[in-house]
Amino acid sequence: MKSRPLLLAALLALICAASTIICCTKDSDNTADANTLDAIRRRGTLIIGTTGDYRPLSYREPTTGEYWGFGIEVAQKIAENIGVKATFVQTSWPTLTDDVLKEPAIFDFAIGGITITDARKAQMDMSDGYLRNGKTILCRKEDESKFKTLDDLNRPEVRVMINPGGLNEKFARENLPQATLIVYEKNEEIPSQVSEGKADVMITEITEAPYYIKTDPRLAAPLINSPFTNGEIGVLMQKNQPELLAKVNAVILQMKQDGTLKQLHEKFGLVYGY
């Protein structure tokens, strides 16, 4: 008779334990994403992936390791709004998608010259745009009259230099099949390669070109006001982080409304399009 209460108690304990496991599993499925911002606040830092090779949007100084640029300052504003510091880690254009999708995540989101595309949005989430963008070219100043259309570029004698793994390479391979394509690893060094005559043209963006024609008088961007494509740059992150995505979009909207974004455009010599 004494064993029956013990048996009932044991069964009750097992039922309670099973219920707890089920409840916890359901809760973790539903709340893990909702707690993204809480986890960032507990950590005390927002970890941001960036290539550091895309002046003036994201550049890592080789001597100090410090990051600067338009996208860097946007990321710092987001971190400030969350109430944490910003920490930057380096990614690359060829590994960008894999780095964003890694488990466990190596950063909270990526920023700096990342164009919003349907292909990226199919795998990941992208914020609202904070900078207008479009494909254009850099060439030597004495050659600017030669290049007015894609047909002018799409010739075997035209050496077009591109960085690997990003949309610049994709654009060149799709639109310039007859040109001589040269893949060069370090995006930030391609403008000087062009100015020194080691290539004729760099495929770049209207966000990047103004910096180089300002800092290197040997270079020109003859098609900067008539880019081949039109798009926007945004923040890239893993899917299913609704609170983080909403926070990023809210900060971008606030920066548009209070004039901060316009000030950044002026600071970095970019045309304000919002």
C-alpha atoms as a PDB file:
ATOM      1  CA  MET A   1       0.000   0.000   0.000  1.00  0.00           C
ATOM      2  CA  LYS A   2       2.848   2.353   0.773  1.00  0.00           C
ATOM      3  CA  SER A   3       4.332   1.882  -2.703  1.00  0.00           C
ATOM      4  CA  ARG A   4       1.231   3.184  -4.519  1.00  0.00           C
ATOM      5  CA  PRO A   5       1.644   6.850  -3.426  1.00  0.00           C
ATOM      6  CA  LEU A   6       5.304   6.659  -4.336  1.00  0.00           C
ATOM      7  CA  LEU A   7       4.430   5.300  -7.772  1.00  0.00           C
ATOM      8  CA  LEU A   8       1.829   8.015  -8.329  1.00  0.00           C
ATOM      9  CA  ALA A   9       4.297  10.668  -7.250  1.00  0.00           C
ATOM     10  CA  ALA A  10       6.902   9.326  -9.652  1.00  0.00           C
ATOM     11  CA  LEU A  11       4.418   9.289 -12.527  1.00  0.00           C
ATOM     12  CA  LEU A  12       3.338  12.836 -11.727  1.00  0.00           C
ATOM     13  CA  ALA A  13       6.959  13.959 -11.712  1.00  0.00           C
ATOM     14  CA  LEU A  14       7.551  12.386 -15.112  1.00  0.00           C
ATOM     15  CA  ILE A  15       4.463  14.076 -16.552  1.00  0.00           C
ATOM     16  CA  CYS A  16       5.568  17.447 -15.189  1.00  0.00           C
ATOM     17  CA  ALA A  17       9.078  16.975 -16.572  1.00  0.00           C
ATOM     18  CA  ALA A  18       7.750  16.050 -20.003  1.00  0.00           C
ATOM     19  CA  SER A  19       5.444  19.072 -19.988  1.00  0.00           C
ATOM     20  CA  THR A  20       8.339  21.333 -19.059  1.00  0.00           C
ATOM     21  CA  ILE A  21      10.471  19.999 -21.926  1.00  0.00           C
ATOM     22  CA  ILE A  22       7.642  20.497 -24.432  1.00  0.00           C
ATOM     23  CA  CYS A  23       6.903  23.992 -23.147  1.00  0.00           C
ATOM     24  CA  CYS A  24      10.561  24.994 -23.171  1.00  0.00           C
ATOM     25  CA  THR A  25      11.017  23.698 -26.700  1.00  0.00           C
ATOM     26  CA  LYS A  26       8.026  25.661 -27.924  1.00  0.00           C
ATOM     27  CA  ASP A  27       9.149  28.761 -26.062  1.00  0.00           C
ATOM     28  CA  SER A  28      12.666  28.555 -27.503  1.00  0.00           C
ATOM     29  CA  ASP A  29      11.279  28.229 -31.010  1.00  0.00           C
ATOM     30  CA  ASN A  30       9.077  31.271 -30.559  1.00  0.00           C
ATOM     31  CA  THR A  31      11.213  33.546 -28.409  1.00  0.00           C
ATOM     32  CA  ALA A  32      14.772  33.024 -29.618  1.00  0.00           C
ATOM     33  CA  ASP A  33      14.309  35.521 -32.423  1.00  0.00           C
ATOM     34  CA  ALA A  34      12.316  37.933 -30.287  1.00  0.00           C
ATOM     35  CA  ASN A  35      15.204  38.004 -27.805  1.00  0.00           C
ATOM     36  CA  THR A  36      17.842  39.065 -30.360  1.00  0.00           C
ATOM     37  CA  LEU A  37      17.930  42.646 -29.124  1.00  0.00           C
ATOM     38  CA  ASP A  38      17.935  41.492 -25.497  1.00  0.00           C
ATOM     39  CA  ALA A  39      20.911  39.251 -26.236  1.00  0.00           C
ATOM     40  CA  ILE A  40      22.761  42.151 -27.870  1.00  0.00           C
ATOM     41  CA  ARG A  41      22.061  44.369 -24.862  1.00  0.00           C
ATOM     42  CA  ARG A  42      23.222  41.701 -22.427  1.00  0.00           C
ATOM     43  CA  ARG A  43      26.407  41.273 -24.459  1.00  0.00           C
ATOM     44  CA  GLY A  44      26.924  45.035 -24.449  1.00  0.00           C
ATOM     45  CA  THR A  45      28.063  45.237 -28.067  1.00  0.00           C
ATOM     46  CA  LEU A  46      26.592  45.096 -31.564  1.00  0.00           C
ATOM     47  CA  ILE A  47      28.865  42.938 -33.731  1.00  0.00           C
ATOM     48  CA  ILE A  48      28.952  44.113 -37.338  1.00  0.00           C
ATOM     49  CA  GLY A  49      30.482  42.407 -40.360  1.00  0.00           C
ATOM     50  CA  THR A  50      32.017  44.650 -43.003  1.00  0.00           C
ATOM     51  CA  THR A  51      34.502  44.217 -45.859  1.00  0.00           C
ATOM     52  CA  GLY A  52      36.664  47.225 -45.022  1.00  0.00           C
ATOM     53  CA  ASP A  53      37.711  47.640 -48.680  1.00  0.00           C
ATOM     54  CA  TYR A  54      35.047  49.987 -50.039  1.00  0.00           C
ATOM     55  CA  ARG A  55      35.908  53.662 -49.593  1.00  0.00           C
ATOM     56  CA  PRO A  56      34.084  55.805 -48.595  1.00  0.00           C
ATOM     57  CA  LEU A  57      31.477  53.336 -47.262  1.00  0.00           C
ATOM     58  CA  SER A  58      33.614  50.901 -45.280  1.00  0.00           C
ATOM     59  CA  TYR A  59      37.376  51.014 -44.992  1.00  0.00           C
ATOM     60  CA  ARG A  60      39.800  49.417 -42.572  1.00  0.00           C
ATOM     61  CA  GLU A  61      43.040  51.331 -42.096  1.00  0.00           C
ATOM     62  CA  PRO A  62      45.828  48.779 -42.564  1.00  0.00           C
ATOM     63  CA  THR A  63      48.143  50.357 -39.986  1.00  0.00           C
ATOM     64  CA  THR A  64      45.665  50.878 -37.140  1.00  0.00           C
ATOM     65  CA  GLY A  65      42.860  48.412 -37.941  1.00  0.00           C
ATOM     66  CA  GLU A  66      40.335  51.217 -37.419  1.00  0.00           C
ATOM     67  CA  TYR A  67      37.194  51.275 -39.565  1.00  0.00           C
ATOM     68  CA  TRP A  68      35.699  54.425 -41.078  1.00  0.00           C
ATOM     69  CA  GLY A  69      33.094  55.304 -43.697  1.00  0.00           C
ATOM     70  CA  PHE A  70      29.468  56.084 -44.411  1.00  0.00           C
ATOM     71  CA  GLY A  71      28.218  52.586 -43.540  1.00  0.00           C
ATOM     72  CA  ILE A  72      30.402  52.474 -40.430  1.00  0.00           C
ATOM     73  CA  GLU A  73      28.738  55.623 -39.088  1.00  0.00           C
ATOM     74  CA  VAL A  74      25.270  54.260 -39.872  1.00  0.00           C
ATOM     75  CA  ALA A  75      26.148  51.103 -37.911  1.00  0.00           C
ATOM     76  CA  GLN A  76      27.414  53.188 -35.010  1.00  0.00           C
ATOM     77  CA  LYS A  77      24.107  55.083 -34.936  1.00  0.00           C
ATOM     78  CA  ILE A  78      22.216  51.789 -34.779  1.00  0.00           C
ATOM     79  CA  ALA A  79      24.414  50.563 -31.916  1.00  0.00           C
ATOM     80  CA  GLU A  80      23.950  53.852 -30.083  1.00  0.00           C
ATOM     81  CA  ASN A  81      20.165  53.584 -30.441  1.00  0.00           C
ATOM     82  CA  ILE A  82      20.212  50.037 -29.027  1.00  0.00           C
ATOM     83  CA  GLY A  83      22.363  51.283 -26.161  1.00  0.00           C
ATOM     84  CA  VAL A  84      25.547  49.301 -26.839  1.00  0.00           C
ATOM     85  CA  LYS A  85      28.939  49.873 -28.457  1.00  0.00           C
ATOM     86  CA  ALA A  86      29.721  48.874 -32.056  1.00  0.00           C
ATOM     87  CA  THR A  87      32.355  46.234 -32.784  1.00  0.00           C
ATOM     88  CA  PHE A  88      33.450  45.559 -36.368  1.00  0.00           C
ATOM     89  CA  VAL A  89      34.735  42.267 -37.761  1.00  0.00           C
ATOM     90  CA  GLN A  90      36.035  41.742 -41.274  1.00  0.00           C
ATOM     91  CA  THR A  91      34.224  39.759 -43.937  1.00  0.00           C
ATOM     92  CA  SER A  92      34.801  39.684 -47.710  1.00  0.00           C
ATOM     93  CA  TRP A  93      32.693  39.880 -50.849  1.00  0.00           C
ATOM     94  CA  PRO A  94      33.281  36.225 -51.839  1.00  0.00           C
ATOM     95  CA  THR A  95      32.378  34.976 -48.335  1.00  0.00           C
ATOM     96  CA  LEU A  96      29.712  37.539 -47.425  1.00  0.00           C
ATOM     97  CA  THR A  97      26.655  35.297 -47.814  1.00  0.00           C
ATOM     98  CA  ASP A  98      28.281  32.333 -46.077  1.00  0.00           C
ATOM     99  CA  ASP A  99      29.453  34.562 -43.227  1.00  0.00           C
ATOM    100  CA  VAL A 100      25.964  36.018 -42.716  1.00  0.00           C
ATOM    101  CA  LEU A 101      24.389  32.553 -42.678  1.00  0.00           C
ATOM    102  CA  LYS A 102      26.935  30.882 -40.380  1.00  0.00           C
ATOM    103  CA  GLU A 103      25.709  29.066 -37.277  1.00  0.00           C
ATOM    104  CA  PRO A 104      26.470  30.118 -34.673  1.00  0.00           C
ATOM    105  CA  ALA A 105      26.395  33.644 -36.083  1.00  0.00           C
ATOM    106  CA  ILE A 106      29.726  35.464 -36.197  1.00  0.00           C
ATOM    107  CA  PHE A 107      28.092  38.909 -36.348  1.00  0.00           C
ATOM    108  CA  ASP A 108      24.637  40.444 -35.923  1.00  0.00           C
ATOM    109  CA  PHE A 109      24.458  42.015 -39.376  1.00  0.00           C
ATOM    110  CA  ALA A 110      26.663  43.148 -42.270  1.00  0.00           C
ATOM    111  CA  ILE A 111      26.976  46.669 -43.637  1.00  0.00           C
ATOM    112  CA  GLY A 112      28.974  48.708 -46.139  1.00  0.00           C
ATOM    113  CA  GLY A 113      28.175  48.857 -49.852  1.00  0.00           C
ATOM    114  CA  ILE A 114      25.757  45.904 -49.874  1.00  0.00           C
ATOM    115  CA  THR A 115      23.184  46.354 -52.630  1.00  0.00           C
ATOM    116  CA  ILE A 116      19.626  45.232 -51.935  1.00  0.00           C
ATOM    117  CA  THR A 117      18.776  42.425 -54.380  1.00  0.00           C
ATOM    118  CA  ASP A 118      16.022  39.834 -54.696  1.00  0.00           C
ATOM    119  CA  ALA A 119      18.632  37.060 -54.600  1.00  0.00           C
ATOM    120  CA  ARG A 120      19.949  38.243 -51.246  1.00  0.00           C
ATOM    121  CA  LYS A 121      16.447  38.753 -49.861  1.00  0.00           C
ATOM    122  CA  ALA A 122      15.536  35.182 -50.816  1.00  0.00           C
ATOM    123  CA  GLN A 123      18.173  33.823 -48.420  1.00  0.00           C
ATOM    124  CA  MET A 124      18.520  36.623 -45.894  1.00  0.00           C
ATOM    125  CA  ASP A 125      16.813  39.786 -44.690  1.00  0.00           C
ATOM    126  CA  MET A 126      17.755  43.260 -45.890  1.00  0.00           C
ATOM    127  CA  SER A 127      16.862  46.562 -44.324  1.00  0.00           C
ATOM    128  CA  ASP A 128      15.320  49.552 -46.032  1.00  0.00           C
ATOM    129  CA  GLY A 129      17.786  51.437 -48.225  1.00  0.00           C
ATOM    130  CA  TYR A 130      19.939  54.198 -46.772  1.00  0.00           C
ATOM    131  CA  LEU A 131      21.975  55.082 -49.888  1.00  0.00           C
ATOM    132  CA  ARG A 132      21.245  55.231 -53.616  1.00  0.00           C
ATOM    133  CA  ASN A 133      23.499  53.105 -55.785  1.00  0.00           C
ATOM    134  CA  GLY A 134      24.249  52.094 -59.370  1.00  0.00           C
ATOM    135  CA  LYS A 135      26.942  50.531 -61.524  1.00  0.00           C
ATOM    136  CA  THR A 136      29.363  52.856 -63.277  1.00  0.00           C
ATOM    137  CA  ILE A 137      33.044  52.931 -64.260  1.00  0.00           C
ATOM    138  CA  LEU A 138      36.374  54.485 -63.396  1.00  0.00           C
ATOM    139  CA  CYS A 139      38.922  55.045 -66.155  1.00  0.00           C
ATOM    140  CA  ARG A 140      41.967  57.210 -66.790  1.00  0.00           C
ATOM    141  CA  LYS A 141      41.143  60.848 -67.384  1.00  0.00           C
ATOM    142  CA  GLU A 142      42.637  60.815 -70.882  1.00  0.00           C
ATOM    143  CA  ASP A 143      40.348  57.907 -71.811  1.00  0.00           C
ATOM    144  CA  GLU A 144      37.024  59.274 -70.570  1.00  0.00           C
ATOM    145  CA  SER A 145      35.817  60.230 -74.056  1.00  0.00           C
ATOM    146  CA  LYS A 146      36.246  56.597 -75.201  1.00  0.00           C
ATOM    147  CA  PHE A 147      33.671  55.117 -72.842  1.00  0.00           C
ATOM    148  CA  LYS A 148      30.080  56.286 -73.205  1.00  0.00           C
ATOM    149  CA  THR A 149      28.135  53.012 -73.471  1.00  0.00           C
ATOM    150  CA  LEU A 150      28.378  49.333 -72.581  1.00  0.00           C
ATOM    151  CA  ASP A 151      29.254  48.638 -76.229  1.00  0.00           C
ATOM    152  CA  ASP A 152      32.323  50.847 -75.851  1.00  0.00           C
ATOM    153  CA  LEU A 153      33.432  48.662 -72.947  1.00  0.00           C
ATOM    154  CA  ASN A 154      32.493  45.303 -74.437  1.00  0.00           C
ATOM    155  CA  ARG A 155      35.553  44.932 -76.650  1.00  0.00           C
ATOM    156  CA  PRO A 156      38.501  42.514 -76.380  1.00  0.00           C
ATOM    157  CA  GLU A 157      41.011  45.378 -76.280  1.00  0.00           C
ATOM    158  CA  VAL A 158      39.354  46.896 -73.174  1.00  0.00           C
ATOM    159  CA  ARG A 159      40.843  45.537 -69.947  1.00  0.00           C
ATOM    160  CA  VAL A 160      38.159  45.619 -67.266  1.00  0.00           C
ATOM    161  CA  MET A 161      39.303  45.008 -63.695  1.00  0.00           C
ATOM    162  CA  ILE A 162      36.876  43.615 -61.097  1.00  0.00           C
ATOM    163  CA  ASN A 163      37.013  42.385 -57.508  1.00  0.00           C
ATOM    164  CA  PRO A 164      35.905  38.762 -57.019  1.00  0.00           C
ATOM    165  CA  GLY A 165      32.688  37.476 -55.510  1.00  0.00           C
ATOM    166  CA  GLY A 166      30.462  40.542 -55.527  1.00  0.00           C
ATOM    167  CA  LEU A 167      27.955  42.217 -57.820  1.00  0.00           C
ATOM    168  CA  ASN A 168      30.693  44.040 -59.756  1.00  0.00           C
ATOM    169  CA  GLU A 169      32.020  40.721 -61.037  1.00  0.00           C
ATOM    170  CA  LYS A 170      28.499  39.465 -61.727  1.00  0.00           C
ATOM    171  CA  PHE A 171      27.659  42.621 -63.702  1.00  0.00           C
ATOM    172  CA  ALA A 172      30.852  42.429 -65.753  1.00  0.00           C
ATOM    173  CA  ARG A 173      30.467  38.756 -66.646  1.00  0.00           C
ATOM    174  CA  GLU A 174      26.833  39.230 -67.669  1.00  0.00           C
ATOM    175  CA  ASN A 175      27.262  42.457 -69.631  1.00  0.00           C
ATOM    176  CA  LEU A 176      30.845  42.476 -70.921  1.00  0.00           C
ATOM    177  CA  PRO A 177      31.485  38.986 -72.337  1.00  0.00           C
ATOM    178  CA  GLN A 178      33.787  40.318 -75.079  1.00  0.00           C
ATOM    179  CA  ALA A 179      35.946  42.497 -72.813  1.00  0.00           C
ATOM    180  CA  THR A 180      39.171  41.253 -71.245  1.00  0.00           C
ATOM    181  CA  LEU A 181      38.208  40.724 -67.596  1.00  0.00           C
ATOM    182  CA  ILE A 182      40.914  40.888 -64.942  1.00  0.00           C
ATOM    183  CA  VAL A 183      40.009  39.642 -61.464  1.00  0.00           C
ATOM    184  CA  TYR A 184      41.967  41.487 -58.768  1.00  0.00           C
ATOM    185  CA  GLU A 185      41.656  40.444 -55.138  1.00  0.00           C
ATOM    186  CA  LYS A 186      41.901  43.792 -53.360  1.00  0.00           C
ATOM    187  CA  ASN A 187      39.019  46.059 -54.328  1.00  0.00           C
ATOM    188  CA  GLU A 188      40.571  49.140 -52.711  1.00  0.00           C
ATOM    189  CA  GLU A 189      43.681  48.841 -54.931  1.00  0.00           C
ATOM    190  CA  ILE A 190      41.863  48.596 -58.289  1.00  0.00           C
ATOM    191  CA  PRO A 191      41.563  52.384 -58.849  1.00  0.00           C
ATOM    192  CA  SER A 192      45.330  52.788 -58.619  1.00  0.00           C
ATOM    193  CA  GLN A 193      45.763  49.809 -60.948  1.00  0.00           C
ATOM    194  CA  VAL A 194      43.662  51.680 -63.510  1.00  0.00           C
ATOM    195  CA  SER A 195      45.424  55.023 -63.018  1.00  0.00           C
ATOM    196  CA  GLU A 196      48.809  53.270 -63.410  1.00  0.00           C
ATOM    197  CA  GLY A 197      47.717  51.690 -66.718  1.00  0.00           C
ATOM    198  CA  LYS A 198      47.483  48.080 -65.541  1.00  0.00           C
ATOM    199  CA  ALA A 199      43.802  48.060 -66.544  1.00  0.00           C
ATOM    200  CA  ASP A 200      41.608  50.391 -68.589  1.00  0.00           C
ATOM    201  CA  VAL A 201      38.364  50.345 -66.606  1.00  0.00           C
ATOM    202  CA  MET A 202      37.089  49.486 -63.150  1.00  0.00           C
ATOM    203  CA  ILE A 203      33.492  48.423 -62.665  1.00  0.00           C
ATOM    204  CA  THR A 204      32.372  50.294 -59.568  1.00  0.00           C
ATOM    205  CA  GLU A 205      29.416  52.129 -58.021  1.00  0.00           C
ATOM    206  CA  ILE A 206      28.256  55.730 -58.035  1.00  0.00           C
ATOM    207  CA  THR A 207      28.847  55.629 -54.270  1.00  0.00           C
ATOM    208  CA  GLU A 208      32.515  54.684 -54.634  1.00  0.00           C
ATOM    209  CA  ALA A 209      33.553  56.555 -57.783  1.00  0.00           C
ATOM    210  CA  PRO A 210      33.312  60.146 -56.384  1.00  0.00           C
ATOM    211  CA  TYR A 211      35.866  59.375 -53.694  1.00  0.00           C
ATOM    212  CA  TYR A 212      38.467  58.172 -56.194  1.00  0.00           C
ATOM    213  CA  ILE A 213      38.085  60.941 -58.755  1.00  0.00           C
ATOM    214  CA  LYS A 214      38.432  63.422 -55.902  1.00  0.00           C
ATOM    215  CA  THR A 215      41.537  61.810 -54.408  1.00  0.00           C
ATOM    216  CA  ASP A 216      43.277  60.780 -57.652  1.00  0.00           C
ATOM    217  CA  PRO A 217      43.284  63.438 -60.434  1.00  0.00           C
ATOM    218  CA  ARG A 218      44.405  60.795 -62.957  1.00  0.00           C
ATOM    219  CA  LEU A 219      40.968  59.136 -62.777  1.00  0.00           C
ATOM    220  CA  ALA A 220      37.574  59.993 -64.286  1.00  0.00           C
ATOM    221  CA  ALA A 221      34.030  58.648 -63.966  1.00  0.00           C
ATOM    222  CA  PRO A 222      32.405  59.705 -67.253  1.00  0.00           C
ATOM    223  CA  LEU A 223      29.138  57.825 -66.647  1.00  0.00           C
ATOM    224  CA  ILE A 224      28.585  58.724 -63.016  1.00  0.00           C
ATOM    225  CA  ASN A 225      25.385  60.649 -63.809  1.00  0.00           C
ATOM    226  CA  SER A 226      23.994  57.888 -66.033  1.00  0.00           C
ATOM    227  CA  PRO A 227      24.704  54.609 -64.215  1.00  0.00           C
ATOM    228  CA  PHE A 228      24.014  51.275 -65.885  1.00  0.00           C
ATOM    229  CA  THR A 229      21.801  50.171 -62.962  1.00  0.00           C
ATOM    230  CA  ASN A 230      19.837  51.819 -60.178  1.00  0.00           C
ATOM    231  CA  GLY A 231      19.420  50.415 -56.692  1.00  0.00           C
ATOM    232  CA  GLU A 232      19.897  50.973 -52.999  1.00  0.00           C
ATOM    233  CA  ILE A 233      22.337  49.887 -50.328  1.00  0.00           C
ATOM    234  CA  GLY A 234      21.090  48.340 -47.091  1.00  0.00           C
ATOM    235  CA  VAL A 235      21.935  46.235 -44.040  1.00  0.00           C
ATOM    236  CA  LEU A 236      22.159  42.442 -44.485  1.00  0.00           C
ATOM    237  CA  MET A 237      21.270  39.915 -41.755  1.00  0.00           C
ATOM    238  CA  GLN A 238      19.951  36.427 -41.078  1.00  0.00           C
ATOM    239  CA  LYS A 239      16.222  35.886 -41.450  1.00  0.00           C
ATOM    240  CA  ASN A 240      13.837  35.516 -38.493  1.00  0.00           C
ATOM    241  CA  GLN A 241      15.179  38.407 -36.445  1.00  0.00           C
ATOM    242  CA  PRO A 242      12.123  40.672 -36.629  1.00  0.00           C
ATOM    243  CA  GLU A 243      13.021  42.885 -33.675  1.00  0.00           C
ATOM    244  CA  LEU A 244      16.542  43.556 -34.927  1.00  0.00           C
ATOM    245  CA  LEU A 245      15.311  44.245 -38.469  1.00  0.00           C
ATOM    246  CA  ALA A 246      12.615  46.589 -37.140  1.00  0.00           C
ATOM    247  CA  LYS A 247      15.182  48.423 -35.003  1.00  0.00           C
ATOM    248  CA  VAL A 248      17.559  48.875 -37.959  1.00  0.00           C
ATOM    249  CA  ASN A 249      14.738  50.179 -40.164  1.00  0.00           C
ATOM    250  CA  ALA A 250      13.544  52.518 -37.414  1.00  0.00           C
ATOM    251  CA  VAL A 251      17.012  54.036 -37.031  1.00  0.00           C
ATOM    252  CA  ILE A 252      17.376  54.478 -40.813  1.00  0.00           C
ATOM    253  CA  LEU A 253      13.972  56.197 -40.945  1.00  0.00           C
ATOM    254  CA  GLN A 254      14.893  58.441 -38.021  1.00  0.00           C
ATOM    255  CA  MET A 255      18.171  59.402 -39.724  1.00  0.00           C
ATOM    256  CA  LYS A 256      16.244  60.332 -42.864  1.00  0.00           C
ATOM    257  CA  GLN A 257      13.736  62.406 -40.930  1.00  0.00           C
ATOM    258  CA  ASP A 258      16.108  64.281 -38.618  1.00  0.00           C
ATOM    259  CA  GLY A 259      18.676  65.157 -41.311  1.00  0.00           C
ATOM    260  CA  THR A 260      21.465  62.906 -40.017  1.00  0.00           C
ATOM    261  CA  LEU A 261      21.541  60.836 -43.187  1.00  0.00           C
ATOM    262  CA  LYS A 262      21.741  63.953 -45.360  1.00  0.00           C
ATOM    263  CA  GLN A 263      24.644  65.206 -43.254  1.00  0.00           C
ATOM    264  CA  LEU A 264      26.475  61.917 -43.817  1.00  0.00           C
ATOM    265  CA  HIS A 265      25.921  62.212 -47.577  1.00  0.00           C
ATOM    266  CA  GLU A 266      27.459  65.689 -47.483  1.00  0.00           C
ATOM    267  CA  LYS A 267      30.345  64.565 -45.268  1.00  0.00           C
ATOM    268  CA  PHE A 268      31.353  61.798 -47.681  1.00  0.00           C
ATOM    269  CA  GLY A 269      30.578  63.698 -50.899  1.00  0.00           C
ATOM    270  CA  LEU A 270      27.587  61.584 -51.951  1.00  0.00           C
ATOM    271  CA  VAL A 271      24.393  62.780 -53.644  1.00  0.00           C
ATOM    272  CA  TYR A 272      21.436  62.752 -51.253  1.00  0.00           C
ATOM    273  CA  GLY A 273      18.520  60.868 -52.803  1.00  0.00           C
ATOM    274  CA  TYR A 274      15.864  60.730 -50.042  1.00  0.00           C
END
